[in-house]
Amino acid sequence: MFNRHVILLVLGFVTVYDIITTVSGTLEILQISVGSVVASVTLGLLIGGMLYYTHEIFLNKSKDFLPQAFKALWGLAFLYDIWTSCTGNAKFILQENVTTLTTDDWKRLILLLGLTLFVSSCPVILSYARNNERFMRGQIL
């Protein structure tokens, strides 16, 4: 039996790492300037927040404009998170720019893509875990 508090803590730490890689990846793409630092931190927090509230965004079944717009924005946020996290992970883990990797580096590419998908999915998993009563009562895992 797993301790749900440990799982939530680990998912929380990885979510923070995801935000850091999103900020780092955005900075890498925009190049460093005062404006890009502000934009990167703002986007990182916004993207992290959108992914953290995945469950609430998709739980709303209203056909009104705003809930539907949030669902569309969530999709864009997730795609943005994958791209910038991949860029940030390449910088942190592989110590190089993602654009310099070639198909000859297939093992490193698989590692980078696997890590990126895992890290980017953690805020989504955390969102569903913290809203799942069975998980919170210790009946799952």
C-alpha atoms as a PDB file:
ATOM      1  CA  MET A   1       0.000   0.000   0.000  1.00  0.00           C
ATOM      2  CA  PHE A   2       1.400   3.376  -1.006  1.00  0.00           C
ATOM      3  CA  ASN A   3       1.245   6.407   1.249  1.00  0.00           C
ATOM      4  CA  ARG A   4      -0.984   8.922  -0.582  1.00  0.00           C
ATOM      5  CA  HIS A   5       0.719  11.846   1.164  1.00  0.00           C
ATOM      6  CA  VAL A   6       4.098  10.808  -0.241  1.00  0.00           C
ATOM      7  CA  ILE A   7       2.570  10.447  -3.723  1.00  0.00           C
ATOM      8  CA  LEU A   8       0.969  13.902  -3.483  1.00  0.00           C
ATOM      9  CA  LEU A   9       4.247  15.384  -2.228  1.00  0.00           C
ATOM     10  CA  VAL A  10       6.246  13.835  -5.080  1.00  0.00           C
ATOM     11  CA  LEU A  11       3.670  14.968  -7.649  1.00  0.00           C
ATOM     12  CA  GLY A  12       3.830  18.450  -6.108  1.00  0.00           C
ATOM     13  CA  PHE A  13       7.630  18.601  -6.368  1.00  0.00           C
ATOM     14  CA  VAL A  14       7.556  17.387  -9.963  1.00  0.00           C
ATOM     15  CA  THR A  15       4.857  20.001 -10.724  1.00  0.00           C
ATOM     16  CA  VAL A  16       7.183  22.710  -9.380  1.00  0.00           C
ATOM     17  CA  TYR A  17       9.989  21.262 -11.532  1.00  0.00           C
ATOM     18  CA  ASP A  18       7.598  21.385 -14.502  1.00  0.00           C
ATOM     19  CA  ILE A  19       6.989  25.087 -13.887  1.00  0.00           C
ATOM     20  CA  ILE A  20      10.759  25.660 -13.633  1.00  0.00           C
ATOM     21  CA  THR A  21      11.397  23.858 -16.936  1.00  0.00           C
ATOM     22  CA  THR A  22       8.566  25.823 -18.561  1.00  0.00           C
ATOM     23  CA  VAL A  23      10.148  29.094 -17.412  1.00  0.00           C
ATOM     24  CA  SER A  24      13.605  27.909 -18.462  1.00  0.00           C
ATOM     25  CA  GLY A  25      12.374  26.666 -21.837  1.00  0.00           C
ATOM     26  CA  THR A  26      10.540  29.928 -22.508  1.00  0.00           C
ATOM     27  CA  LEU A  27      13.686  31.885 -21.636  1.00  0.00           C
ATOM     28  CA  GLU A  28      15.715  29.664 -23.949  1.00  0.00           C
ATOM     29  CA  ILE A  29      13.279  30.321 -26.804  1.00  0.00           C
ATOM     30  CA  LEU A  30      12.859  34.076 -26.209  1.00  0.00           C
ATOM     31  CA  GLN A  31      16.501  34.790 -25.292  1.00  0.00           C
ATOM     32  CA  ILE A  32      17.242  36.510 -22.015  1.00  0.00           C
ATOM     33  CA  SER A  33      16.080  40.075 -21.470  1.00  0.00           C
ATOM     34  CA  VAL A  34      14.107  41.808 -18.727  1.00  0.00           C
ATOM     35  CA  GLY A  35      10.863  41.452 -20.688  1.00  0.00           C
ATOM     36  CA  SER A  36      11.445  37.797 -21.480  1.00  0.00           C
ATOM     37  CA  VAL A  37      12.159  36.991 -17.826  1.00  0.00           C
ATOM     38  CA  VAL A  38       8.878  38.604 -16.746  1.00  0.00           C
ATOM     39  CA  ALA A  39       6.999  36.876 -19.592  1.00  0.00           C
ATOM     40  CA  SER A  40       8.627  33.510 -18.836  1.00  0.00           C
ATOM     41  CA  VAL A  41       7.795  33.584 -15.131  1.00  0.00           C
ATOM     42  CA  THR A  42       4.253  34.791 -15.831  1.00  0.00           C
ATOM     43  CA  LEU A  43       3.667  32.122 -18.479  1.00  0.00           C
ATOM     44  CA  GLY A  44       5.235  29.425 -16.310  1.00  0.00           C
ATOM     45  CA  LEU A  45       2.918  30.213 -13.407  1.00  0.00           C
ATOM     46  CA  LEU A  46      -0.115  30.555 -15.683  1.00  0.00           C
ATOM     47  CA  ILE A  47       0.589  27.253 -17.446  1.00  0.00           C
ATOM     48  CA  GLY A  48       1.273  25.512 -14.130  1.00  0.00           C
ATOM     49  CA  GLY A  49      -1.974  26.870 -12.714  1.00  0.00           C
ATOM     50  CA  MET A  50      -3.998  25.771 -15.731  1.00  0.00           C
ATOM     51  CA  LEU A  51      -2.594  22.240 -15.515  1.00  0.00           C
ATOM     52  CA  TYR A  52      -3.019  22.124 -11.723  1.00  0.00           C
ATOM     53  CA  TYR A  53      -6.735  22.898 -12.164  1.00  0.00           C
ATOM     54  CA  THR A  54      -7.284  20.367 -14.998  1.00  0.00           C
ATOM     55  CA  HIS A  55      -9.917  18.443 -13.060  1.00  0.00           C
ATOM     56  CA  GLU A  56     -11.990  21.527 -12.301  1.00  0.00           C
ATOM     57  CA  ILE A  57     -11.705  22.796 -15.887  1.00  0.00           C
ATOM     58  CA  PHE A  58     -12.962  19.542 -17.402  1.00  0.00           C
ATOM     59  CA  LEU A  59     -15.494  18.824 -14.647  1.00  0.00           C
ATOM     60  CA  ASN A  60     -17.489  21.904 -15.705  1.00  0.00           C
ATOM     61  CA  LYS A  61     -19.987  20.544 -18.253  1.00  0.00           C
ATOM     62  CA  SER A  62     -21.490  23.949 -19.055  1.00  0.00           C
ATOM     63  CA  LYS A  63     -21.757  24.850 -22.717  1.00  0.00           C
ATOM     64  CA  ASP A  64     -21.233  28.543 -21.904  1.00  0.00           C
ATOM     65  CA  PHE A  65     -18.400  30.401 -23.599  1.00  0.00           C
ATOM     66  CA  LEU A  66     -16.025  30.769 -20.639  1.00  0.00           C
ATOM     67  CA  PRO A  67     -15.845  27.086 -19.591  1.00  0.00           C
ATOM     68  CA  GLN A  68     -15.403  26.078 -23.232  1.00  0.00           C
ATOM     69  CA  ALA A  69     -12.712  28.729 -23.702  1.00  0.00           C
ATOM     70  CA  PHE A  70     -10.857  27.411 -20.639  1.00  0.00           C
ATOM     71  CA  LYS A  71     -10.879  23.914 -22.148  1.00  0.00           C
ATOM     72  CA  ALA A  72      -9.407  25.235 -25.401  1.00  0.00           C
ATOM     73  CA  LEU A  73      -6.832  27.302 -23.514  1.00  0.00           C
ATOM     74  CA  TRP A  74      -5.973  24.242 -21.429  1.00  0.00           C
ATOM     75  CA  GLY A  75      -5.102  22.353 -24.621  1.00  0.00           C
ATOM     76  CA  LEU A  76      -2.849  25.183 -25.768  1.00  0.00           C
ATOM     77  CA  ALA A  77      -1.295  25.368 -22.299  1.00  0.00           C
ATOM     78  CA  PHE A  78      -0.526  21.638 -22.309  1.00  0.00           C
ATOM     79  CA  LEU A  79       1.090  21.797 -25.754  1.00  0.00           C
ATOM     80  CA  TYR A  80       3.093  24.871 -24.720  1.00  0.00           C
ATOM     81  CA  ASP A  81       4.145  23.096 -21.537  1.00  0.00           C
ATOM     82  CA  ILE A  82       5.373  20.045 -23.443  1.00  0.00           C
ATOM     83  CA  TRP A  83       7.425  22.171 -25.861  1.00  0.00           C
ATOM     84  CA  THR A  84       8.988  24.454 -23.244  1.00  0.00           C
ATOM     85  CA  SER A  85       9.524  21.617 -20.750  1.00  0.00           C
ATOM     86  CA  CYS A  86      11.284  19.650 -23.473  1.00  0.00           C
ATOM     87  CA  THR A  87      13.487  22.670 -24.148  1.00  0.00           C
ATOM     88  CA  GLY A  88      14.111  23.183 -20.417  1.00  0.00           C
ATOM     89  CA  ASN A  89      14.830  19.485 -19.807  1.00  0.00           C
ATOM     90  CA  ALA A  90      17.312  19.458 -22.678  1.00  0.00           C
ATOM     91  CA  LYS A  91      19.100  22.361 -21.031  1.00  0.00           C
ATOM     92  CA  PHE A  92      19.030  20.891 -17.485  1.00  0.00           C
ATOM     93  CA  ILE A  93      19.473  17.186 -18.153  1.00  0.00           C
ATOM     94  CA  LEU A  94      21.354  16.955 -21.446  1.00  0.00           C
ATOM     95  CA  GLN A  95      23.221  20.240 -21.026  1.00  0.00           C
ATOM     96  CA  GLU A  96      22.493  21.327 -24.599  1.00  0.00           C
ATOM     97  CA  ASN A  97      19.938  23.056 -26.778  1.00  0.00           C
ATOM     98  CA  VAL A  98      17.097  20.824 -27.980  1.00  0.00           C
ATOM     99  CA  THR A  99      17.638  22.000 -31.571  1.00  0.00           C
ATOM    100  CA  THR A 100      21.196  20.615 -31.618  1.00  0.00           C
ATOM    101  CA  LEU A 101      20.039  17.031 -31.054  1.00  0.00           C
ATOM    102  CA  THR A 102      20.121  14.832 -34.150  1.00  0.00           C
ATOM    103  CA  THR A 103      18.495  11.539 -35.041  1.00  0.00           C
ATOM    104  CA  ASP A 104      21.816   9.875 -34.185  1.00  0.00           C
ATOM    105  CA  ASP A 105      21.089  10.832 -30.562  1.00  0.00           C
ATOM    106  CA  TRP A 106      17.988   8.603 -30.508  1.00  0.00           C
ATOM    107  CA  LYS A 107      18.622   7.236 -26.997  1.00  0.00           C
ATOM    108  CA  ARG A 108      18.945  10.752 -25.621  1.00  0.00           C
ATOM    109  CA  LEU A 109      15.858  11.857 -27.577  1.00  0.00           C
ATOM    110  CA  ILE A 110      13.795   8.995 -26.125  1.00  0.00           C
ATOM    111  CA  LEU A 111      15.027   9.870 -22.633  1.00  0.00           C
ATOM    112  CA  LEU A 112      14.189  13.538 -23.187  1.00  0.00           C
ATOM    113  CA  LEU A 113      10.721  12.829 -24.595  1.00  0.00           C
ATOM    114  CA  GLY A 114       9.901  10.304 -21.856  1.00  0.00           C
ATOM    115  CA  LEU A 115      11.028  12.645 -19.112  1.00  0.00           C
ATOM    116  CA  THR A 116       9.156  15.553 -20.678  1.00  0.00           C
ATOM    117  CA  LEU A 117       5.886  13.616 -20.988  1.00  0.00           C
ATOM    118  CA  PHE A 118       6.205  12.362 -17.411  1.00  0.00           C
ATOM    119  CA  VAL A 119       6.998  15.803 -15.994  1.00  0.00           C
ATOM    120  CA  SER A 120       4.299  17.547 -18.033  1.00  0.00           C
ATOM    121  CA  SER A 121       1.659  15.022 -16.982  1.00  0.00           C
ATOM    122  CA  CYS A 122       2.368  15.321 -13.228  1.00  0.00           C
ATOM    123  CA  PRO A 123       0.314  18.506 -12.679  1.00  0.00           C
ATOM    124  CA  VAL A 124      -2.612  16.831 -14.469  1.00  0.00           C
ATOM    125  CA  ILE A 125      -2.267  13.652 -12.375  1.00  0.00           C
ATOM    126  CA  LEU A 126      -1.983  15.789  -9.228  1.00  0.00           C
ATOM    127  CA  SER A 127      -5.160  17.635 -10.201  1.00  0.00           C
ATOM    128  CA  TYR A 128      -7.131  14.415 -10.513  1.00  0.00           C
ATOM    129  CA  ALA A 129      -5.547  12.763  -7.454  1.00  0.00           C
ATOM    130  CA  ARG A 130      -6.329  15.622  -5.094  1.00  0.00           C
ATOM    131  CA  ASN A 131      -9.948  15.625  -6.303  1.00  0.00           C
ATOM    132  CA  ASN A 132     -10.456  11.847  -6.120  1.00  0.00           C
ATOM    133  CA  GLU A 133     -12.162  10.920  -2.855  1.00  0.00           C
ATOM    134  CA  ARG A 134     -11.146   7.259  -3.072  1.00  0.00           C
ATOM    135  CA  PHE A 135      -7.494   8.242  -3.549  1.00  0.00           C
ATOM    136  CA  MET A 136      -7.632  10.757  -0.697  1.00  0.00           C
ATOM    137  CA  ARG A 137      -9.155   8.101   1.614  1.00  0.00           C
ATOM    138  CA  GLY A 138      -6.377   5.656   0.681  1.00  0.00           C
ATOM    139  CA  GLN A 139      -8.643   3.243  -1.226  1.00  0.00           C
ATOM    140  CA  ILE A 140      -6.682   3.585  -4.488  1.00  0.00           C
ATOM    141  CA  LEU A 141      -3.073   2.429  -4.475  1.00  0.00           C
END
